[in-house]
Amino acid sequence: MYEGLVTTKDDIIFNFKQKELFNVVEILEKYECDVSIWELVEHCLDNKIDYSIVLEKKDIQDNTVYNCLNISSGNVKIKKEISQRYI
């Protein structure tokens, strides 16, 4: 029988705080991210993988606005991207 370690959101928060990544915790809590997003962010940061994760999507008039968490070189930033729905 195989037994594995289950990572919880609290475990990841603890790890981020130990690495002084308080801003990451604030961002992910603000956008009420699922534990799978927390795991993905932790994986990308631990392995220095550049990645972009959509945190929020809003339809405003004829545009779709995405708030994305951009991970690059171990740093995180929120980036707003706008795409036009209708041409």
C-alpha atoms as a PDB file:
ATOM      1  CA  MET A   1       0.000   0.000   0.000  1.00  0.00           C
ATOM      2  CA  TYR A   2       1.301   3.452  -0.948  1.00  0.00           C
ATOM      3  CA  GLU A   3       1.010   6.370   1.441  1.00  0.00           C
ATOM      4  CA  GLY A   4       1.899   9.905   0.414  1.00  0.00           C
ATOM      5  CA  LEU A   5       2.184  13.239   2.086  1.00  0.00           C
ATOM      6  CA  VAL A   6      -0.815  15.486   1.483  1.00  0.00           C
ATOM      7  CA  THR A   7       0.128  19.153   1.265  1.00  0.00           C
ATOM      8  CA  THR A   8      -2.418  21.570   2.667  1.00  0.00           C
ATOM      9  CA  LYS A   9      -2.827  25.274   2.072  1.00  0.00           C
ATOM     10  CA  ASP A  10      -1.595  25.894   5.635  1.00  0.00           C
ATOM     11  CA  ASP A  11       1.585  23.918   4.889  1.00  0.00           C
ATOM     12  CA  ILE A  12       2.256  26.044   1.823  1.00  0.00           C
ATOM     13  CA  ILE A  13       1.539  29.279   3.719  1.00  0.00           C
ATOM     14  CA  PHE A  14       4.019  28.158   6.383  1.00  0.00           C
ATOM     15  CA  ASN A  15       6.645  27.430   3.693  1.00  0.00           C
ATOM     16  CA  PHE A  16       6.110  30.809   2.007  1.00  0.00           C
ATOM     17  CA  LYS A  17       6.404  32.645   5.312  1.00  0.00           C
ATOM     18  CA  GLN A  18       9.622  30.776   6.135  1.00  0.00           C
ATOM     19  CA  LYS A  19      10.993  32.005   2.782  1.00  0.00           C
ATOM     20  CA  GLU A  20       9.690  35.524   3.565  1.00  0.00           C
ATOM     21  CA  LEU A  21       7.287  35.431   0.609  1.00  0.00           C
ATOM     22  CA  PHE A  22       4.590  37.326   2.483  1.00  0.00           C
ATOM     23  CA  ASN A  23       3.470  39.125  -0.689  1.00  0.00           C
ATOM     24  CA  VAL A  24       2.689  35.796  -2.363  1.00  0.00           C
ATOM     25  CA  VAL A  25       0.512  34.768   0.592  1.00  0.00           C
ATOM     26  CA  GLU A  26      -1.346  38.101   0.459  1.00  0.00           C
ATOM     27  CA  ILE A  27      -1.968  37.849  -3.282  1.00  0.00           C
ATOM     28  CA  LEU A  28      -3.220  34.255  -3.217  1.00  0.00           C
ATOM     29  CA  GLU A  29      -5.452  34.935  -0.225  1.00  0.00           C
ATOM     30  CA  LYS A  30      -6.844  38.110  -1.811  1.00  0.00           C
ATOM     31  CA  TYR A  31      -7.900  36.186  -4.919  1.00  0.00           C
ATOM     32  CA  GLU A  32      -9.186  33.238  -2.809  1.00  0.00           C
ATOM     33  CA  CYS A  33      -7.127  30.740  -4.794  1.00  0.00           C
ATOM     34  CA  ASP A  34      -7.724  27.026  -4.624  1.00  0.00           C
ATOM     35  CA  VAL A  35      -5.046  24.813  -3.039  1.00  0.00           C
ATOM     36  CA  SER A  36      -4.023  23.611  -6.515  1.00  0.00           C
ATOM     37  CA  ILE A  37      -2.990  27.174  -7.417  1.00  0.00           C
ATOM     38  CA  TRP A  38      -1.019  27.446  -4.165  1.00  0.00           C
ATOM     39  CA  GLU A  39       0.756  24.177  -5.055  1.00  0.00           C
ATOM     40  CA  LEU A  40       1.499  25.380  -8.596  1.00  0.00           C
ATOM     41  CA  VAL A  41       2.948  28.687  -7.361  1.00  0.00           C
ATOM     42  CA  GLU A  42       5.086  26.882  -4.790  1.00  0.00           C
ATOM     43  CA  HIS A  43       6.338  24.445  -7.434  1.00  0.00           C
ATOM     44  CA  CYS A  44       7.224  27.253  -9.859  1.00  0.00           C
ATOM     45  CA  LEU A  45       9.036  29.273  -7.196  1.00  0.00           C
ATOM     46  CA  ASP A  46      10.918  26.257  -5.782  1.00  0.00           C
ATOM     47  CA  ASN A  47      12.061  25.149  -9.233  1.00  0.00           C
ATOM     48  CA  LYS A  48      12.635  28.634 -10.691  1.00  0.00           C
ATOM     49  CA  ILE A  49      10.055  28.094 -13.423  1.00  0.00           C
ATOM     50  CA  ASP A  50       8.715  31.167 -15.217  1.00  0.00           C
ATOM     51  CA  TYR A  51       4.937  30.918 -15.430  1.00  0.00           C
ATOM     52  CA  SER A  52       1.762  32.984 -15.648  1.00  0.00           C
ATOM     53  CA  ILE A  53      -1.394  32.030 -13.740  1.00  0.00           C
ATOM     54  CA  VAL A  54      -4.813  33.619 -14.276  1.00  0.00           C
ATOM     55  CA  LEU A  55      -6.131  34.687 -10.874  1.00  0.00           C
ATOM     56  CA  GLU A  56      -9.260  36.501 -11.993  1.00  0.00           C
ATOM     57  CA  LYS A  57     -11.236  37.027 -15.189  1.00  0.00           C
ATOM     58  CA  LYS A  58     -13.774  39.821 -15.676  1.00  0.00           C
ATOM     59  CA  ASP A  59     -15.879  40.728 -18.684  1.00  0.00           C
ATOM     60  CA  ILE A  60     -16.098  44.501 -19.028  1.00  0.00           C
ATOM     61  CA  GLN A  61     -18.038  45.858 -21.999  1.00  0.00           C
ATOM     62  CA  ASP A  62     -16.441  44.296 -25.109  1.00  0.00           C
ATOM     63  CA  ASN A  63     -13.252  43.277 -23.308  1.00  0.00           C
ATOM     64  CA  THR A  64     -12.107  40.476 -21.063  1.00  0.00           C
ATOM     65  CA  VAL A  65      -9.742  41.573 -18.311  1.00  0.00           C
ATOM     66  CA  TYR A  66      -7.387  39.023 -16.757  1.00  0.00           C
ATOM     67  CA  ASN A  67      -5.458  39.563 -13.541  1.00  0.00           C
ATOM     68  CA  CYS A  68      -2.467  37.253 -13.792  1.00  0.00           C
ATOM     69  CA  LEU A  69       0.254  36.258 -11.374  1.00  0.00           C
ATOM     70  CA  ASN A  70       3.486  36.346 -13.333  1.00  0.00           C
ATOM     71  CA  ILE A  71       6.365  34.352 -11.911  1.00  0.00           C
ATOM     72  CA  SER A  72       9.736  35.206 -13.370  1.00  0.00           C
ATOM     73  CA  SER A  73      13.203  34.534 -11.955  1.00  0.00           C
ATOM     74  CA  GLY A  74      11.744  33.797  -8.528  1.00  0.00           C
ATOM     75  CA  ASN A  75       9.821  37.086  -8.415  1.00  0.00           C
ATOM     76  CA  VAL A  76       6.058  37.515  -8.550  1.00  0.00           C
ATOM     77  CA  LYS A  77       4.035  40.361 -10.014  1.00  0.00           C
ATOM     78  CA  ILE A  78       0.380  40.965 -10.758  1.00  0.00           C
ATOM     79  CA  LYS A  79      -0.177  41.852 -14.378  1.00  0.00           C
ATOM     80  CA  LYS A  80      -3.451  42.963 -15.918  1.00  0.00           C
ATOM     81  CA  GLU A  81      -4.079  41.770 -19.461  1.00  0.00           C
ATOM     82  CA  ILE A  82      -6.972  42.934 -21.608  1.00  0.00           C
ATOM     83  CA  SER A  83      -8.286  41.116 -24.653  1.00  0.00           C
ATOM     84  CA  GLN A  84     -10.985  42.312 -26.979  1.00  0.00           C
ATOM     85  CA  ARG A  85     -13.881  39.861 -27.268  1.00  0.00           C
ATOM     86  CA  TYR A  86     -15.484  41.248 -30.391  1.00  0.00           C
ATOM     87  CA  ILE A  87     -13.833  42.537 -33.517  1.00  0.00           C
END
